Amino acid sequence: MITWTDLNNALGAIVTQTLNEIGLPAERDRQDVTKPVTRRSYRIDLTATDGMGTDDYAETGVDVEIYFYPAKADRPRDEVQAAAQALRC
């Protein structure tokens, strides 16, 4: 069985590798508390989407959201777009 932790860790490894490959190494933030954002970093949120099936079958799913925080808070567009493009591919 794949656990939430397994899924989160596997995605984190892929995100870290991808960002390193495009020259945007980022720290992975795993905190669930409010604090100053570490720049450059990312976090992964997983949300269950169970119960979306019909009576004939049941789906088990997950929504994945990756939040990327660029090195600089001002004028981050290019860095955010580069990270988004690489992660989509």
Protein backbone atom coordinates (compact mmCIF):
# COMPACT_ATOMS: atom_id res chain seq x y z
CA MET A 1 0.00 0.00 0.00
CA ILE A 2 1.23 3.49 -0.82
CA THR A 3 0.98 5.88 2.10
CA TRP A 4 0.56 9.67 2.03
CA THR A 5 4.14 9.97 3.25
CA ASP A 6 5.40 7.69 0.46
CA LEU A 7 3.58 9.75 -2.15
CA ASN A 8 4.73 13.06 -0.68
CA ASN A 9 8.36 11.89 -0.49
CA ALA A 10 8.32 10.54 -4.06
CA LEU A 11 6.92 13.81 -5.40
CA GLY A 12 9.43 15.78 -3.32
CA ALA A 13 12.33 13.83 -4.83
CA ILE A 14 11.08 14.54 -8.35
CA VAL A 15 10.51 18.25 -7.65
CA THR A 16 13.94 18.64 -6.06
CA GLN A 17 15.66 16.88 -8.98
CA THR A 18 13.74 18.90 -11.57
CA LEU A 19 14.47 22.25 -9.92
CA ASN A 20 18.15 21.35 -9.57
CA GLU A 21 18.33 20.41 -13.25
CA ILE A 22 17.04 23.83 -14.36
CA GLY A 23 19.33 25.74 -12.00
CA LEU A 24 16.73 26.66 -9.37
CA PRO A 25 17.74 24.58 -6.35
CA ALA A 26 15.14 25.02 -3.62
CA GLU A 27 14.76 23.95 -0.02
CA ARG A 28 11.77 21.73 0.66
CA ASP A 29 9.54 23.26 3.32
CA ARG A 30 7.56 20.70 5.31
CA GLN A 31 6.28 22.99 8.02
CA ASP A 32 2.58 23.46 8.70
CA VAL A 33 3.13 26.58 10.76
CA THR A 34 3.13 30.22 9.87
CA LYS A 35 6.65 31.57 9.64
CA PRO A 36 8.70 33.68 7.30
CA VAL A 37 8.97 31.95 3.94
CA THR A 38 12.39 30.53 3.14
CA ARG A 39 13.45 31.77 -0.26
CA ARG A 40 13.99 29.74 -2.59
CA SER A 41 11.77 26.89 -1.39
CA TYR A 42 8.73 24.80 -2.22
CA ARG A 43 6.10 22.80 -0.44
CA ILE A 44 3.73 20.06 -1.52
CA ASP A 45 0.11 19.81 -0.35
CA LEU A 46 -1.82 16.59 -0.92
CA THR A 47 -5.60 16.46 -0.56
CA ALA A 48 -7.75 13.34 -0.75
CA THR A 49 -10.40 13.29 -3.46
CA ASP A 50 -12.01 10.00 -2.43
CA GLY A 51 -15.66 9.36 -3.03
CA MET A 52 -15.76 10.88 -6.50
CA GLY A 53 -16.95 7.66 -8.13
CA THR A 54 -20.43 6.30 -8.76
CA ASP A 55 -22.19 3.46 -6.99
CA ASP A 56 -20.71 1.06 -9.55
CA TYR A 57 -17.10 1.85 -8.69
CA ALA A 58 -15.10 3.87 -6.26
CA GLU A 59 -12.24 6.16 -7.13
CA THR A 60 -9.42 6.96 -4.82
CA GLY A 61 -7.57 10.06 -5.81
CA VAL A 62 -5.41 12.91 -4.69
CA ASP A 63 -5.02 16.55 -5.64
CA VAL A 64 -1.42 17.71 -5.71
CA GLU A 65 -0.50 21.35 -5.20
CA ILE A 66 3.11 22.49 -5.38
CA TYR A 67 3.88 25.95 -4.02
CA PHE A 68 7.15 27.45 -5.24
CA TYR A 69 8.66 30.48 -3.51
CA PRO A 70 11.26 32.22 -5.71
CA ALA A 71 14.54 33.62 -4.43
CA LYS A 72 13.25 37.20 -4.47
CA ALA A 73 9.75 38.29 -3.53
CA ASP A 74 9.81 41.22 -5.93
CA ARG A 75 9.62 40.55 -9.67
CA PRO A 76 9.50 36.74 -9.37
CA ARG A 77 7.63 36.08 -12.62
CA ASP A 78 10.47 34.61 -14.71
CA GLU A 79 11.65 32.28 -11.97
CA VAL A 80 8.11 31.11 -11.16
CA GLN A 81 7.32 30.51 -14.83
CA ALA A 82 10.55 28.53 -15.35
CA ALA A 83 9.80 26.34 -12.33
CA ALA A 84 6.17 25.80 -13.38
CA GLN A 85 7.15 24.89 -16.94
CA ALA A 86 9.77 22.38 -15.78
CA LEU A 87 7.44 20.78 -13.25
CA ARG A 88 4.62 20.46 -15.80
CA CYS A 89 6.94 18.62 -18.18
